[in-house]
Amino acid sequence: MARPWNKLWMPSTIMKLHTTQPRNANLNKYVFQVPPSFTKLEIKEYLKKIYGMEVKRVTTVNYDGKVKRRGATFYKRPAYKKATVYL
């Protein structure tokens, strides 16, 4: 019987690093691309439990997918959320 306090929360979604830091940038700030359904609290918990990072603040911006054209057909790229994480 599994005890609920022994379970590790492993989301089935992926957070990927959106931008790299320039040489003269603040090293305590990272930008990730996350699914639109992620909240600030979920992002903070994900980074703490999976990577052991102490997060001070999270800011997010929602982006709609762009409409693209290939020949005569149009398609839309998926929407995403950009999360800026301050350590």
Protein backbone atom coordinates (compact mmCIF):
# COMPACT_ATOMS: atom_id res chain seq x y z
CA MET A 1 0.00 0.00 0.00
CA ALA A 2 1.47 3.31 -1.07
CA ARG A 3 1.46 6.10 1.43
CA PRO A 4 0.44 9.49 0.00
CA TRP A 5 3.29 11.34 1.73
CA ASN A 6 5.88 9.09 0.02
CA LYS A 7 4.68 9.86 -3.50
CA LEU A 8 6.72 12.12 -5.76
CA TRP A 9 4.74 14.50 -7.93
CA MET A 10 5.91 13.96 -11.52
CA PRO A 11 3.96 15.98 -14.08
CA SER A 12 3.54 14.61 -17.57
CA THR A 13 4.32 18.00 -19.11
CA ILE A 14 7.64 19.43 -20.19
CA MET A 15 9.19 22.77 -19.30
CA LYS A 16 11.91 23.82 -21.71
CA LEU A 17 14.40 26.62 -21.40
CA HIS A 18 13.22 29.43 -23.67
CA THR A 19 16.27 31.70 -23.84
CA THR A 20 19.89 31.56 -22.81
CA GLN A 21 21.50 34.22 -20.67
CA PRO A 22 23.84 36.81 -22.20
CA ARG A 23 27.22 37.31 -20.54
CA ASN A 24 26.27 40.50 -18.67
CA ALA A 25 22.78 39.36 -17.60
CA ASN A 26 21.42 38.63 -14.16
CA LEU A 27 22.23 34.96 -13.48
CA ASN A 28 19.31 34.50 -11.10
CA LYS A 29 16.69 34.90 -13.86
CA TYR A 30 15.65 32.10 -16.24
CA VAL A 31 12.91 31.97 -18.88
CA PHE A 32 10.99 28.75 -19.58
CA GLN A 33 8.33 27.82 -22.10
CA VAL A 34 5.51 25.96 -20.35
CA PRO A 35 2.01 24.73 -21.29
CA PRO A 36 -0.74 27.35 -20.91
CA SER A 37 -2.46 25.32 -18.19
CA PHE A 38 0.49 25.65 -15.75
CA THR A 39 -0.02 28.14 -12.91
CA LYS A 40 2.71 30.09 -11.12
CA LEU A 41 2.43 27.85 -8.08
CA GLU A 42 2.75 24.68 -10.19
CA ILE A 43 5.85 26.06 -11.91
CA LYS A 44 7.42 26.88 -8.56
CA GLU A 45 6.59 23.43 -7.11
CA TYR A 46 7.86 21.67 -10.25
CA LEU A 47 11.26 23.36 -10.09
CA LYS A 48 11.56 22.80 -6.35
CA LYS A 49 10.61 19.11 -6.33
CA ILE A 50 12.29 17.98 -9.54
CA TYR A 51 15.45 20.13 -9.58
CA GLY A 52 15.69 21.34 -5.96
CA MET A 53 15.71 25.01 -6.99
CA GLU A 54 14.61 27.65 -4.46
CA VAL A 55 12.38 30.00 -6.45
CA LYS A 56 11.75 33.54 -5.19
CA ARG A 57 9.27 34.76 -7.79
CA VAL A 58 7.54 33.62 -11.00
CA THR A 59 6.02 35.88 -13.65
CA THR A 60 4.10 34.55 -16.65
CA VAL A 61 2.94 35.80 -20.05
CA ASN A 62 0.43 33.97 -22.29
CA TYR A 63 1.01 33.82 -26.04
CA ASP A 64 -1.44 32.80 -28.77
CA GLY A 65 -0.20 30.51 -31.48
CA LYS A 66 0.83 32.17 -34.72
CA VAL A 67 -1.12 31.59 -37.91
CA LYS A 68 1.21 30.22 -40.58
CA ARG A 69 0.77 29.52 -44.25
CA ARG A 70 2.12 26.65 -46.32
CA GLY A 71 1.04 27.00 -49.92
CA ALA A 72 -2.72 27.50 -50.00
CA THR A 73 -3.35 26.04 -46.54
CA PHE A 74 -3.26 27.91 -43.25
CA TYR A 75 -2.50 26.37 -39.87
CA LYS A 76 -2.04 27.64 -36.35
CA ARG A 77 0.88 26.86 -34.06
CA PRO A 78 -0.07 25.88 -30.50
CA ALA A 79 -0.42 28.49 -27.76
CA TYR A 80 2.17 28.58 -24.99
CA LYS A 81 3.05 30.38 -21.79
CA LYS A 82 6.41 31.99 -21.07
CA ALA A 83 7.45 31.86 -17.42
CA THR A 84 10.25 34.01 -15.99
CA VAL A 85 11.71 32.45 -12.85
CA TYR A 86 13.78 34.41 -10.32
CA LEU A 87 16.03 32.40 -8.00
